[in-house]
Amino acid sequence: MKLKDIKTLITSGTIILAVGLYLVFAKPTDEQPPTNDGAQNNIVSQEQKHYSITPELAMNETGKQLIDVEFIAANDGDTMSVKMDGQKQRVRLLMIDTPEMNYDKGDPMPYAEAAKQLTTQLLEDAKSVQLLFDKGPETDKYDRLLAYVFVDGVSLHEVLLNEGLAAVRYVNKPNNSLEDELREIQQQAEAKKLNIWAYPNYLQRDGFHPEEVNK
């Protein structure tokens, strides 16, 4: 091998070694790849969270069994239509309230659409939707089923409260077996000032007051 070729080989090997050492020992950059912060990413994957109201806890507290249903559509965050035993039924979530859609006025309350979107997305994507009745009446004066709803084993009540899109309201014994658990979850959202809790006077004793958000 000629001397010129040997020098070229040594030079190339040195360059390759330098690049390799740089890749191994170079400090990682602080820059992060850009992320998509669009609305579709506003809802955190529910599978990544820990939930306190399990189906087992709920069944134990109520003394009732879960009933499989088929989701049809959501009217708002706390009301929906399902098919149960082949019949279409309207369901009202026990003990929680979300802002009203106000279909008659065409003017949804603040966060009403977000609550409906979350409920709809979870129920549409679910492999399993189940209802659980409490110890009291199973229907209200509007002939709606009063129930807890579980989506793939996760409490829809807990998800809405966790996201600050619902509040504990309309508590009537003995349909209040999970009241303490729901209030504790709500307190955490309040402390973080999430969504409806970002405005101190949005929710008052008589319900939601949109004017407090629009000030």
N, C-alpha and C. Protein backbone atom coordinates (compact mmCIF):
# COMPACT_ATOMS: atom_id res chain seq x y z
N MET A 1 0.86 -1.20 0.00
CA MET A 1 0.00 0.00 0.00
C MET A 1 0.88 1.24 0.00
N LYS A 2 0.55 2.21 -0.80
CA LYS A 2 1.33 3.42 -0.90
C LYS A 2 1.16 4.27 0.34
N LEU A 3 2.21 5.09 0.59
CA LEU A 3 2.19 5.98 1.77
C LEU A 3 1.00 6.92 1.72
N LYS A 4 0.65 7.40 0.54
CA LYS A 4 -0.48 8.33 0.38
C LYS A 4 -1.78 7.68 0.80
N ASP A 5 -1.92 6.39 0.41
CA ASP A 5 -3.15 5.67 0.74
C ASP A 5 -3.24 5.45 2.25
N ILE A 6 -2.09 5.17 2.88
CA ILE A 6 -2.06 4.95 4.33
C ILE A 6 -2.49 6.21 5.06
N LYS A 7 -1.97 7.36 4.61
CA LYS A 7 -2.34 8.63 5.25
C LYS A 7 -3.83 8.90 5.11
N THR A 8 -4.38 8.61 3.92
CA THR A 8 -5.81 8.83 3.69
C THR A 8 -6.64 7.96 4.61
N LEU A 9 -6.22 6.69 4.76
CA LEU A 9 -6.95 5.75 5.62
C LEU A 9 -6.93 6.21 7.06
N ILE A 10 -5.75 6.67 7.52
CA ILE A 10 -5.62 7.14 8.91
C ILE A 10 -6.51 8.35 9.14
N THR A 11 -6.49 9.29 8.18
CA THR A 11 -7.31 10.50 8.29
C THR A 11 -8.79 10.17 8.37
N SER A 12 -9.26 9.27 7.49
CA SER A 12 -10.67 8.88 7.46
C SER A 12 -11.07 8.20 8.76
N GLY A 13 -10.17 7.34 9.26
CA GLY A 13 -10.47 6.64 10.51
C GLY A 13 -10.58 7.61 11.67
N THR A 14 -9.73 8.63 11.66
CA THR A 14 -9.75 9.63 12.74
C THR A 14 -11.07 10.40 12.72
N ILE A 15 -11.53 10.76 11.55
CA ILE A 15 -12.77 11.51 11.40
C ILE A 15 -13.95 10.67 11.90
N ILE A 16 -13.99 9.41 11.48
CA ILE A 16 -15.08 8.51 11.89
C ILE A 16 -15.09 8.34 13.41
N LEU A 17 -13.89 8.18 14.00
CA LEU A 17 -13.78 8.02 15.45
C LEU A 17 -14.26 9.27 16.17
N ALA A 18 -13.92 10.44 15.65
CA ALA A 18 -14.33 11.70 16.26
C ALA A 18 -15.85 11.86 16.24
N VAL A 19 -16.44 11.53 15.10
CA VAL A 19 -17.90 11.63 14.98
C VAL A 19 -18.57 10.68 15.95
N GLY A 20 -18.04 9.46 16.06
CA GLY A 20 -18.61 8.47 16.98
C GLY A 20 -18.54 8.94 18.42
N LEU A 21 -17.39 9.50 18.82
CA LEU A 21 -17.22 9.99 20.19
C LEU A 21 -18.17 11.15 20.46
N TYR A 22 -18.38 12.01 19.44
CA TYR A 22 -19.29 13.14 19.61
C TYR A 22 -20.71 12.65 19.87
N LEU A 23 -21.14 11.68 19.09
CA LEU A 23 -22.50 11.16 19.23
C LEU A 23 -22.71 10.50 20.58
N VAL A 24 -21.65 9.87 21.11
CA VAL A 24 -21.76 9.18 22.39
C VAL A 24 -21.77 10.15 23.56
N PHE A 25 -20.89 11.15 23.52
CA PHE A 25 -20.69 12.00 24.68
C PHE A 25 -21.31 13.38 24.58
N ALA A 26 -21.84 13.74 23.44
CA ALA A 26 -22.44 15.08 23.30
C ALA A 26 -23.62 15.22 24.24
N LYS A 27 -23.80 16.40 24.85
CA LYS A 27 -24.92 16.67 25.75
C LYS A 27 -26.22 16.70 24.96
N PRO A 28 -27.28 16.12 25.53
CA PRO A 28 -28.56 16.15 24.81
C PRO A 28 -29.08 17.57 24.71
N THR A 29 -29.70 17.88 23.61
CA THR A 29 -30.23 19.22 23.43
C THR A 29 -31.45 19.45 24.29
N ASP A 30 -31.67 20.69 24.72
CA ASP A 30 -32.83 21.04 25.54
C ASP A 30 -34.07 21.25 24.70
N GLU A 31 -33.89 21.33 23.39
CA GLU A 31 -35.03 21.58 22.53
C GLU A 31 -35.90 20.34 22.43
N GLN A 32 -37.22 20.54 22.43
CA GLN A 32 -38.15 19.45 22.31
C GLN A 32 -38.84 19.53 20.96
N PRO A 33 -39.20 18.39 20.41
CA PRO A 33 -39.90 18.42 19.13
C PRO A 33 -41.23 19.13 19.28
N PRO A 34 -41.67 19.82 18.26
CA PRO A 34 -42.93 20.55 18.36
C PRO A 34 -44.08 19.59 18.59
N THR A 35 -45.06 20.03 19.38
CA THR A 35 -46.22 19.21 19.66
C THR A 35 -47.46 19.89 19.12
N ASN A 36 -48.46 19.09 18.87
CA ASN A 36 -49.73 19.60 18.38
C ASN A 36 -50.62 19.89 19.57
N ASP A 37 -50.87 21.17 19.84
CA ASP A 37 -51.67 21.56 20.98
C ASP A 37 -53.11 21.83 20.59
N GLY A 38 -53.59 21.20 19.52
CA GLY A 38 -54.95 21.42 19.06
C GLY A 38 -55.97 20.88 20.03
N ALA A 39 -57.25 21.17 19.75
CA ALA A 39 -58.33 20.79 20.65
C ALA A 39 -58.42 19.29 20.85
N GLN A 40 -58.02 18.52 19.83
CA GLN A 40 -58.13 17.09 19.94
C GLN A 40 -57.23 16.53 21.03
N ASN A 41 -56.22 17.31 21.47
CA ASN A 41 -55.32 16.84 22.52
C ASN A 41 -55.66 17.42 23.89
N ASN A 42 -56.75 18.16 23.97
CA ASN A 42 -57.13 18.76 25.24
C ASN A 42 -57.63 17.73 26.24
N ILE A 43 -58.15 16.60 25.74
CA ILE A 43 -58.66 15.55 26.60
C ILE A 43 -57.56 14.54 26.83
N VAL A 44 -57.11 14.43 28.07
CA VAL A 44 -56.03 13.52 28.42
C VAL A 44 -56.56 12.08 28.37
N SER A 45 -55.76 11.18 27.85
CA SER A 45 -56.18 9.78 27.81
C SER A 45 -56.56 9.30 29.19
N GLN A 46 -57.80 8.81 29.30
CA GLN A 46 -58.29 8.41 30.61
C GLN A 46 -57.56 7.17 31.13
N GLU A 47 -56.95 6.39 30.23
CA GLU A 47 -56.25 5.19 30.67
C GLU A 47 -54.97 5.54 31.43
N GLN A 48 -54.49 6.78 31.33
CA GLN A 48 -53.25 7.17 31.97
C GLN A 48 -53.48 7.70 33.38
N LYS A 49 -54.72 7.72 33.83
CA LYS A 49 -55.03 8.27 35.13
C LYS A 49 -55.45 7.18 36.10
N HIS A 50 -55.34 7.51 37.38
CA HIS A 50 -55.82 6.62 38.42
C HIS A 50 -57.15 7.14 38.92
N TYR A 51 -58.15 6.26 38.97
CA TYR A 51 -59.47 6.67 39.41
C TYR A 51 -59.85 5.96 40.69
N SER A 52 -60.54 6.68 41.57
CA SER A 52 -60.87 6.14 42.88
C SER A 52 -62.21 5.41 42.90
N ILE A 53 -63.14 5.78 42.00
CA ILE A 53 -64.45 5.13 41.99
C ILE A 53 -64.41 3.97 41.00
N THR A 54 -64.11 2.81 41.50
CA THR A 54 -64.06 1.62 40.67
C THR A 54 -65.45 0.98 40.61
N PRO A 55 -65.71 0.15 39.60
CA PRO A 55 -66.99 -0.56 39.56
C PRO A 55 -67.23 -1.39 40.81
N GLU A 56 -66.16 -1.99 41.33
CA GLU A 56 -66.30 -2.82 42.53
C GLU A 56 -66.74 -2.00 43.72
N LEU A 57 -66.12 -0.82 43.89
CA LEU A 57 -66.50 0.08 44.99
C LEU A 57 -67.95 0.51 44.84
N ALA A 58 -68.33 0.91 43.64
CA ALA A 58 -69.68 1.40 43.41
C ALA A 58 -70.73 0.31 43.66
N MET A 59 -70.46 -0.89 43.19
CA MET A 59 -71.41 -1.98 43.41
C MET A 59 -71.51 -2.33 44.89
N ASN A 60 -70.40 -2.26 45.58
CA ASN A 60 -70.40 -2.56 47.01
C ASN A 60 -71.20 -1.51 47.79
N GLU A 61 -71.05 -0.24 47.42
CA GLU A 61 -71.73 0.85 48.15
C GLU A 61 -73.23 0.88 47.83
N THR A 62 -73.60 0.57 46.62
CA THR A 62 -75.01 0.64 46.22
C THR A 62 -75.76 -0.67 46.43
N GLY A 63 -75.01 -1.76 46.43
CA GLY A 63 -75.66 -3.07 46.52
C GLY A 63 -76.30 -3.49 45.22
N LYS A 64 -75.97 -2.82 44.11
CA LYS A 64 -76.55 -3.11 42.81
C LYS A 64 -75.49 -3.67 41.86
N GLN A 65 -75.95 -4.18 40.72
CA GLN A 65 -75.07 -4.75 39.71
C GLN A 65 -75.05 -3.88 38.46
N LEU A 66 -73.94 -3.91 37.76
CA LEU A 66 -73.80 -3.15 36.52
C LEU A 66 -74.70 -3.73 35.42
N ILE A 67 -75.23 -2.85 34.59
CA ILE A 67 -76.10 -3.24 33.49
C ILE A 67 -75.49 -2.76 32.18
N ASP A 68 -75.27 -3.66 31.26
CA ASP A 68 -74.70 -3.30 29.96
C ASP A 68 -75.74 -2.57 29.11
N VAL A 69 -75.31 -1.47 28.50
CA VAL A 69 -76.19 -0.71 27.61
C VAL A 69 -75.41 -0.32 26.36
N GLU A 70 -76.13 0.19 25.38
CA GLU A 70 -75.51 0.66 24.14
C GLU A 70 -75.72 2.17 24.02
N PHE A 71 -74.64 2.90 23.88
CA PHE A 71 -74.72 4.35 23.78
C PHE A 71 -75.32 4.77 22.44
N ILE A 72 -76.25 5.74 22.49
CA ILE A 72 -76.85 6.28 21.28
C ILE A 72 -76.36 7.70 21.02
N ALA A 73 -76.59 8.60 21.96
CA ALA A 73 -76.18 10.00 21.77
C ALA A 73 -76.22 10.72 23.11
N ALA A 74 -75.44 11.81 23.19
CA ALA A 74 -75.43 12.65 24.39
C ALA A 74 -76.21 13.92 24.12
N ASN A 75 -77.07 14.30 25.04
CA ASN A 75 -77.78 15.56 24.93
C ASN A 75 -76.92 16.70 25.45
N ASP A 76 -76.24 16.44 26.55
CA ASP A 76 -75.25 17.36 27.09
C ASP A 76 -74.28 16.54 27.94
N GLY A 77 -73.52 17.19 28.80
CA GLY A 77 -72.52 16.46 29.56
C GLY A 77 -73.08 15.44 30.53
N ASP A 78 -74.28 15.70 31.07
CA ASP A 78 -74.82 14.82 32.10
C ASP A 78 -76.08 14.06 31.69
N THR A 79 -76.48 14.15 30.44
CA THR A 79 -77.70 13.48 29.97
C THR A 79 -77.44 12.83 28.63
N MET A 80 -77.95 11.61 28.47
CA MET A 80 -77.69 10.88 27.23
C MET A 80 -78.81 9.90 26.94
N SER A 81 -78.77 9.32 25.75
CA SER A 81 -79.70 8.27 25.36
C SER A 81 -78.92 6.98 25.16
N VAL A 82 -79.50 5.88 25.65
CA VAL A 82 -78.87 4.57 25.49
C VAL A 82 -79.95 3.56 25.09
N LYS A 83 -79.49 2.40 24.64
CA LYS A 83 -80.40 1.29 24.39
C LYS A 83 -80.17 0.26 25.47
N MET A 84 -81.24 -0.05 26.23
CA MET A 84 -81.16 -1.03 27.30
C MET A 84 -82.28 -2.05 27.12
N ASP A 85 -81.89 -3.30 27.09
CA ASP A 85 -82.88 -4.37 26.86
C ASP A 85 -83.70 -4.12 25.59
N GLY A 86 -83.01 -3.58 24.56
CA GLY A 86 -83.67 -3.35 23.29
C GLY A 86 -84.52 -2.11 23.22
N GLN A 87 -84.60 -1.35 24.32
CA GLN A 87 -85.42 -0.15 24.37
C GLN A 87 -84.56 1.11 24.53
N LYS A 88 -84.94 2.18 23.83
CA LYS A 88 -84.24 3.44 23.98
C LYS A 88 -84.64 4.09 25.30
N GLN A 89 -83.64 4.50 26.07
CA GLN A 89 -83.87 5.13 27.36
C GLN A 89 -83.02 6.39 27.50
N ARG A 90 -83.57 7.38 28.18
CA ARG A 90 -82.78 8.56 28.51
C ARG A 90 -82.18 8.37 29.90
N VAL A 91 -80.94 8.82 30.07
CA VAL A 91 -80.22 8.64 31.33
C VAL A 91 -79.74 9.99 31.85
N ARG A 92 -79.97 10.22 33.13
CA ARG A 92 -79.46 11.42 33.81
C ARG A 92 -78.45 10.97 34.85
N LEU A 93 -77.22 11.50 34.77
CA LEU A 93 -76.18 11.11 35.72
C LEU A 93 -76.56 11.54 37.14
N LEU A 94 -76.47 10.61 38.06
CA LEU A 94 -76.81 10.90 39.45
C LEU A 94 -75.85 11.91 40.08
N MET A 95 -76.38 12.89 40.77
CA MET A 95 -75.65 13.78 41.67
C MET A 95 -74.64 14.73 41.04
N ILE A 96 -74.55 14.78 39.71
CA ILE A 96 -73.65 15.78 39.14
C ILE A 96 -74.41 16.60 38.09
N ASP A 97 -73.91 17.79 37.86
CA ASP A 97 -74.55 18.72 36.94
C ASP A 97 -73.48 19.39 36.08
N THR A 98 -73.74 19.45 34.78
CA THR A 98 -72.86 20.17 33.87
C THR A 98 -73.61 21.39 33.32
N PRO A 99 -72.91 22.40 32.84
CA PRO A 99 -73.57 23.57 32.26
C PRO A 99 -74.53 23.17 31.13
N GLU A 100 -75.61 23.93 31.00
CA GLU A 100 -76.67 23.59 30.05
C GLU A 100 -76.31 24.01 28.61
N MET A 101 -76.75 23.20 27.67
CA MET A 101 -76.56 23.52 26.25
C MET A 101 -77.54 24.59 25.77
N ASN A 102 -78.69 24.71 26.43
CA ASN A 102 -79.70 25.73 26.07
C ASN A 102 -80.07 25.66 24.60
N TYR A 103 -80.50 24.50 24.16
CA TYR A 103 -80.85 24.33 22.75
C TYR A 103 -81.97 25.28 22.32
N ASP A 104 -82.89 25.57 23.23
CA ASP A 104 -84.02 26.44 22.87
C ASP A 104 -83.57 27.87 22.59
N LYS A 105 -82.49 28.29 23.24
CA LYS A 105 -81.97 29.65 23.06
C LYS A 105 -80.84 29.71 22.03
N GLY A 106 -80.25 28.56 21.76
CA GLY A 106 -79.10 28.54 20.86
C GLY A 106 -77.89 29.23 21.47
N ASP A 107 -77.81 29.22 22.79
CA ASP A 107 -76.73 29.92 23.49
C ASP A 107 -76.20 29.05 24.64
N PRO A 108 -75.30 28.12 24.35
CA PRO A 108 -74.77 27.23 25.38
C PRO A 108 -74.06 28.01 26.50
N MET A 109 -74.22 27.53 27.73
CA MET A 109 -73.48 28.11 28.84
C MET A 109 -71.98 27.83 28.67
N PRO A 110 -71.13 28.65 29.26
CA PRO A 110 -69.69 28.37 29.20
C PRO A 110 -69.38 26.96 29.69
N TYR A 111 -68.57 26.24 28.94
CA TYR A 111 -68.11 24.88 29.22
C TYR A 111 -69.16 23.81 28.97
N ALA A 112 -70.36 24.19 28.53
CA ALA A 112 -71.38 23.19 28.22
C ALA A 112 -70.95 22.31 27.05
N GLU A 113 -70.41 22.95 26.01
CA GLU A 113 -70.00 22.20 24.83
C GLU A 113 -68.80 21.30 25.13
N ALA A 114 -67.90 21.77 25.98
CA ALA A 114 -66.73 20.96 26.34
C ALA A 114 -67.17 19.73 27.12
N ALA A 115 -68.14 19.90 28.02
CA ALA A 115 -68.64 18.76 28.79
C ALA A 115 -69.33 17.76 27.89
N LYS A 116 -70.14 18.24 26.96
CA LYS A 116 -70.82 17.34 26.03
C LYS A 116 -69.82 16.62 25.14
N GLN A 117 -68.80 17.34 24.68
CA GLN A 117 -67.78 16.74 23.81
C GLN A 117 -67.05 15.61 24.54
N LEU A 118 -66.70 15.84 25.81
CA LEU A 118 -65.98 14.84 26.58
C LEU A 118 -66.85 13.60 26.78
N THR A 119 -68.10 13.82 27.18
CA THR A 119 -69.01 12.69 27.39
C THR A 119 -69.22 11.91 26.09
N THR A 120 -69.44 12.63 25.00
CA THR A 120 -69.67 11.98 23.71
C THR A 120 -68.45 11.19 23.27
N GLN A 121 -67.28 11.79 23.37
CA GLN A 121 -66.06 11.12 22.91
C GLN A 121 -65.81 9.83 23.70
N LEU A 122 -65.94 9.91 25.02
CA LEU A 122 -65.69 8.73 25.84
C LEU A 122 -66.67 7.61 25.54
N LEU A 123 -67.94 7.96 25.40
CA LEU A 123 -68.96 6.94 25.18
C LEU A 123 -68.90 6.37 23.76
N GLU A 124 -68.60 7.21 22.77
CA GLU A 124 -68.48 6.72 21.40
C GLU A 124 -67.30 5.77 21.24
N ASP A 125 -66.21 6.06 21.93
CA ASP A 125 -65.00 5.25 21.80
C ASP A 125 -64.99 4.02 22.69
N ALA A 126 -65.97 3.90 23.57
CA ALA A 126 -65.97 2.85 24.58
C ALA A 126 -66.27 1.47 24.00
N LYS A 127 -65.62 0.48 24.53
CA LYS A 127 -65.94 -0.91 24.21
C LYS A 127 -67.09 -1.39 25.10
N SER A 128 -67.21 -0.77 26.28
CA SER A 128 -68.23 -1.18 27.23
C SER A 128 -68.83 0.05 27.91
N VAL A 129 -70.17 0.16 27.90
CA VAL A 129 -70.88 1.21 28.62
C VAL A 129 -71.86 0.52 29.57
N GLN A 130 -71.79 0.88 30.85
CA GLN A 130 -72.61 0.22 31.85
C GLN A 130 -73.27 1.23 32.79
N LEU A 131 -74.49 0.92 33.20
CA LEU A 131 -75.22 1.73 34.16
C LEU A 131 -75.24 1.04 35.51
N LEU A 132 -75.32 1.85 36.56
CA LEU A 132 -75.45 1.32 37.91
C LEU A 132 -76.44 2.18 38.67
N PHE A 133 -77.53 1.59 39.11
CA PHE A 133 -78.52 2.32 39.88
C PHE A 133 -78.10 2.39 41.34
N ASP A 134 -78.69 3.32 42.06
CA ASP A 134 -78.42 3.46 43.49
C ASP A 134 -79.58 2.84 44.27
N LYS A 135 -79.68 3.14 45.56
CA LYS A 135 -80.66 2.49 46.44
C LYS A 135 -82.06 3.10 46.34
N GLY A 136 -82.15 4.32 45.74
CA GLY A 136 -83.42 5.00 45.68
C GLY A 136 -84.13 4.82 44.34
N PRO A 137 -85.00 5.78 43.98
CA PRO A 137 -85.76 5.70 42.72
C PRO A 137 -84.83 5.59 41.51
N GLU A 138 -85.24 4.80 40.54
CA GLU A 138 -84.43 4.60 39.34
C GLU A 138 -84.77 5.58 38.23
N THR A 139 -85.83 6.37 38.39
CA THR A 139 -86.21 7.38 37.40
C THR A 139 -86.56 8.69 38.09
N ASP A 140 -86.52 9.80 37.31
CA ASP A 140 -86.93 11.09 37.85
C ASP A 140 -88.30 11.47 37.29
N LYS A 141 -88.73 12.69 37.57
CA LYS A 141 -90.06 13.12 37.14
C LYS A 141 -90.18 13.26 35.62
N TYR A 142 -89.03 13.26 34.93
CA TYR A 142 -89.04 13.32 33.46
C TYR A 142 -88.92 11.93 32.85
N ASP A 143 -89.02 10.91 33.68
CA ASP A 143 -88.93 9.52 33.25
C ASP A 143 -87.54 9.17 32.72
N ARG A 144 -86.53 9.87 33.20
CA ARG A 144 -85.15 9.55 32.83
C ARG A 144 -84.58 8.59 33.87
N LEU A 145 -83.75 7.66 33.42
CA LEU A 145 -83.08 6.76 34.34
C LEU A 145 -82.03 7.54 35.13
N LEU A 146 -81.99 7.35 36.42
CA LEU A 146 -81.01 7.99 37.30
C LEU A 146 -79.93 6.96 37.62
N ALA A 147 -78.72 7.20 37.14
CA ALA A 147 -77.70 6.15 37.27
C ALA A 147 -76.29 6.72 37.27
N TYR A 148 -75.38 5.88 37.74
CA TYR A 148 -73.95 6.11 37.54
C TYR A 148 -73.60 5.43 36.22
N VAL A 149 -72.66 6.00 35.49
CA VAL A 149 -72.27 5.44 34.20
C VAL A 149 -70.78 5.09 34.23
N PHE A 150 -70.47 3.89 33.80
CA PHE A 150 -69.07 3.45 33.71
C PHE A 150 -68.72 3.20 32.25
N VAL A 151 -67.59 3.76 31.84
CA VAL A 151 -67.10 3.65 30.47
C VAL A 151 -65.81 2.85 30.48
N ASP A 152 -65.88 1.64 29.97
CA ASP A 152 -64.71 0.74 30.02
C ASP A 152 -64.17 0.64 31.44
N GLY A 153 -65.08 0.57 32.40
CA GLY A 153 -64.68 0.41 33.80
C GLY A 153 -64.31 1.69 34.52
N VAL A 154 -64.40 2.83 33.83
CA VAL A 154 -64.06 4.13 34.43
C VAL A 154 -65.34 4.92 34.68
N SER A 155 -65.44 5.54 35.84
CA SER A 155 -66.62 6.32 36.19
C SER A 155 -66.68 7.61 35.37
N LEU A 156 -67.75 7.77 34.59
CA LEU A 156 -67.94 9.01 33.82
C LEU A 156 -68.10 10.19 34.76
N HIS A 157 -68.75 9.97 35.89
CA HIS A 157 -68.90 11.02 36.91
C HIS A 157 -67.53 11.56 37.32
N GLU A 158 -66.64 10.62 37.62
CA GLU A 158 -65.31 11.01 38.10
C GLU A 158 -64.53 11.75 37.03
N VAL A 159 -64.62 11.32 35.79
CA VAL A 159 -63.90 11.98 34.71
C VAL A 159 -64.37 13.42 34.56
N LEU A 160 -65.69 13.64 34.52
CA LEU A 160 -66.23 15.00 34.36
C LEU A 160 -65.84 15.89 35.53
N LEU A 161 -65.90 15.36 36.74
CA LEU A 161 -65.51 16.14 37.92
C LEU A 161 -64.02 16.43 37.91
N ASN A 162 -63.22 15.44 37.54
CA ASN A 162 -61.76 15.61 37.46
C ASN A 162 -61.36 16.72 36.52
N GLU A 163 -62.09 16.86 35.42
CA GLU A 163 -61.77 17.85 34.40
C GLU A 163 -62.35 19.22 34.72
N GLY A 164 -63.06 19.34 35.83
CA GLY A 164 -63.68 20.63 36.17
C GLY A 164 -64.80 21.00 35.23
N LEU A 165 -65.53 20.00 34.75
CA LEU A 165 -66.63 20.24 33.82
C LEU A 165 -67.98 19.88 34.42
N ALA A 166 -67.99 19.53 35.70
CA ALA A 166 -69.23 19.16 36.38
C ALA A 166 -69.11 19.49 37.86
N ALA A 167 -70.27 19.60 38.51
CA ALA A 167 -70.31 19.88 39.95
C ALA A 167 -71.30 18.93 40.61
N VAL A 168 -71.08 18.66 41.87
CA VAL A 168 -71.99 17.80 42.63
C VAL A 168 -73.24 18.61 42.99
N ARG A 169 -74.38 18.17 42.47
CA ARG A 169 -75.66 18.85 42.71
C ARG A 169 -76.80 17.84 42.67
N TYR A 170 -77.98 18.29 43.10
CA TYR A 170 -79.18 17.44 43.08
C TYR A 170 -78.95 16.13 43.85
N VAL A 171 -78.49 16.27 45.07
CA VAL A 171 -78.24 15.10 45.91
C VAL A 171 -79.51 14.76 46.69
N ASN A 172 -80.02 13.58 46.47
CA ASN A 172 -81.25 13.15 47.13
C ASN A 172 -81.06 11.75 47.71
N LYS A 173 -81.19 11.65 49.02
CA LYS A 173 -81.08 10.34 49.67
C LYS A 173 -82.29 9.50 49.29
N PRO A 174 -82.14 8.18 49.18
CA PRO A 174 -80.92 7.39 49.40
C PRO A 174 -80.08 7.19 48.14
N ASN A 175 -80.31 8.00 47.10
CA ASN A 175 -79.51 7.90 45.87
C ASN A 175 -78.20 8.68 46.00
N ASN A 176 -77.52 8.51 47.11
CA ASN A 176 -76.29 9.28 47.34
C ASN A 176 -75.17 8.43 47.92
N SER A 177 -75.14 7.17 47.55
CA SER A 177 -74.15 6.25 48.11
C SER A 177 -72.71 6.68 47.85
N LEU A 178 -72.48 7.37 46.73
CA LEU A 178 -71.11 7.78 46.37
C LEU A 178 -70.89 9.29 46.56
N GLU A 179 -71.73 9.91 47.36
CA GLU A 179 -71.64 11.37 47.54
C GLU A 179 -70.28 11.80 48.07
N ASP A 180 -69.79 11.15 49.10
CA ASP A 180 -68.51 11.55 49.70
C ASP A 180 -67.37 11.46 48.69
N GLU A 181 -67.35 10.39 47.92
CA GLU A 181 -66.30 10.21 46.92
C GLU A 181 -66.37 11.29 45.85
N LEU A 182 -67.58 11.61 45.39
CA LEU A 182 -67.74 12.62 44.35
C LEU A 182 -67.34 14.01 44.85
N ARG A 183 -67.70 14.33 46.08
CA ARG A 183 -67.35 15.65 46.63
C ARG A 183 -65.83 15.79 46.80
N GLU A 184 -65.18 14.72 47.15
CA GLU A 184 -63.72 14.77 47.30
C GLU A 184 -63.05 15.02 45.96
N ILE A 185 -63.54 14.39 44.91
CA ILE A 185 -63.00 14.60 43.57
C ILE A 185 -63.24 16.04 43.12
N GLN A 186 -64.43 16.56 43.40
CA GLN A 186 -64.75 17.94 43.04
C GLN A 186 -63.82 18.92 43.74
N GLN A 187 -63.53 18.68 45.01
CA GLN A 187 -62.66 19.58 45.76
C GLN A 187 -61.28 19.69 45.13
N GLN A 188 -60.80 18.60 44.57
CA GLN A 188 -59.49 18.64 43.92
C GLN A 188 -59.52 19.52 42.68
N ALA A 189 -60.61 19.43 41.90
CA ALA A 189 -60.74 20.27 40.71
C ALA A 189 -60.91 21.74 41.10
N GLU A 190 -61.65 21.99 42.17
CA GLU A 190 -61.82 23.36 42.67
C GLU A 190 -60.48 23.95 43.07
N ALA A 191 -59.68 23.17 43.78
CA ALA A 191 -58.38 23.66 44.25
C ALA A 191 -57.47 24.03 43.08
N LYS A 192 -57.61 23.31 41.97
CA LYS A 192 -56.80 23.58 40.77
C LYS A 192 -57.42 24.66 39.89
N LYS A 193 -58.64 25.09 40.23
CA LYS A 193 -59.38 26.10 39.46
C LYS A 193 -59.54 25.68 37.99
N LEU A 194 -59.94 24.44 37.83
CA LEU A 194 -60.11 23.91 36.48
C LEU A 194 -61.45 24.31 35.89
N ASN A 195 -61.44 24.83 34.70
CA ASN A 195 -62.63 25.12 33.89
C ASN A 195 -63.72 25.85 34.67
N ILE A 196 -64.82 25.20 35.05
CA ILE A 196 -65.91 25.93 35.70
C ILE A 196 -65.48 26.56 37.02
N TRP A 197 -64.42 26.05 37.61
CA TRP A 197 -63.95 26.58 38.90
C TRP A 197 -62.98 27.74 38.73
N ALA A 198 -62.68 28.12 37.50
CA ALA A 198 -61.80 29.27 37.26
C ALA A 198 -62.50 30.58 37.58
N TYR A 199 -63.82 30.53 37.71
CA TYR A 199 -64.63 31.72 37.99
C TYR A 199 -65.39 31.48 39.29
N PRO A 200 -65.00 32.15 40.39
CA PRO A 200 -65.54 31.87 41.72
C PRO A 200 -67.06 31.88 41.81
N ASN A 201 -67.72 32.73 41.05
CA ASN A 201 -69.17 32.85 41.17
C ASN A 201 -69.94 32.25 40.00
N TYR A 202 -69.26 31.47 39.17
CA TYR A 202 -69.96 30.87 38.04
C TYR A 202 -71.05 29.90 38.53
N LEU A 203 -70.71 29.04 39.48
CA LEU A 203 -71.70 28.13 40.04
C LEU A 203 -72.16 28.68 41.39
N GLN A 204 -73.43 28.95 41.49
CA GLN A 204 -74.03 29.43 42.73
C GLN A 204 -75.11 28.45 43.19
N ARG A 205 -75.74 28.76 44.29
CA ARG A 205 -76.72 27.84 44.87
C ARG A 205 -77.83 27.48 43.89
N ASP A 206 -78.24 28.43 43.07
CA ASP A 206 -79.34 28.19 42.15
C ASP A 206 -78.89 27.73 40.76
N GLY A 207 -77.60 27.50 40.59
CA GLY A 207 -77.10 26.99 39.32
C GLY A 207 -75.99 27.83 38.72
N PHE A 208 -75.75 27.62 37.43
CA PHE A 208 -74.66 28.30 36.75
C PHE A 208 -75.08 29.71 36.31
N HIS A 209 -74.15 30.65 36.42
CA HIS A 209 -74.40 32.06 36.07
C HIS A 209 -73.39 32.49 35.00
N PRO A 210 -73.78 32.35 33.72
CA PRO A 210 -72.87 32.68 32.62
C PRO A 210 -72.34 34.10 32.67
N GLU A 211 -73.12 35.04 33.23
CA GLU A 211 -72.67 36.44 33.26
C GLU A 211 -71.39 36.62 34.07
N GLU A 212 -71.13 35.70 35.01
CA GLU A 212 -69.91 35.80 35.82
C GLU A 212 -68.68 35.48 34.98
N VAL A 213 -68.84 34.64 33.97
CA VAL A 213 -67.73 34.28 33.10
C VAL A 213 -67.50 35.37 32.06
N ASN A 214 -68.57 36.01 31.66
CA ASN A 214 -68.52 36.99 30.57
C ASN A 214 -68.20 38.41 31.02
N LYS A 215 -67.94 38.59 32.30
CA LYS A 215 -67.63 39.93 32.79
C LYS A 215 -66.34 40.46 32.17
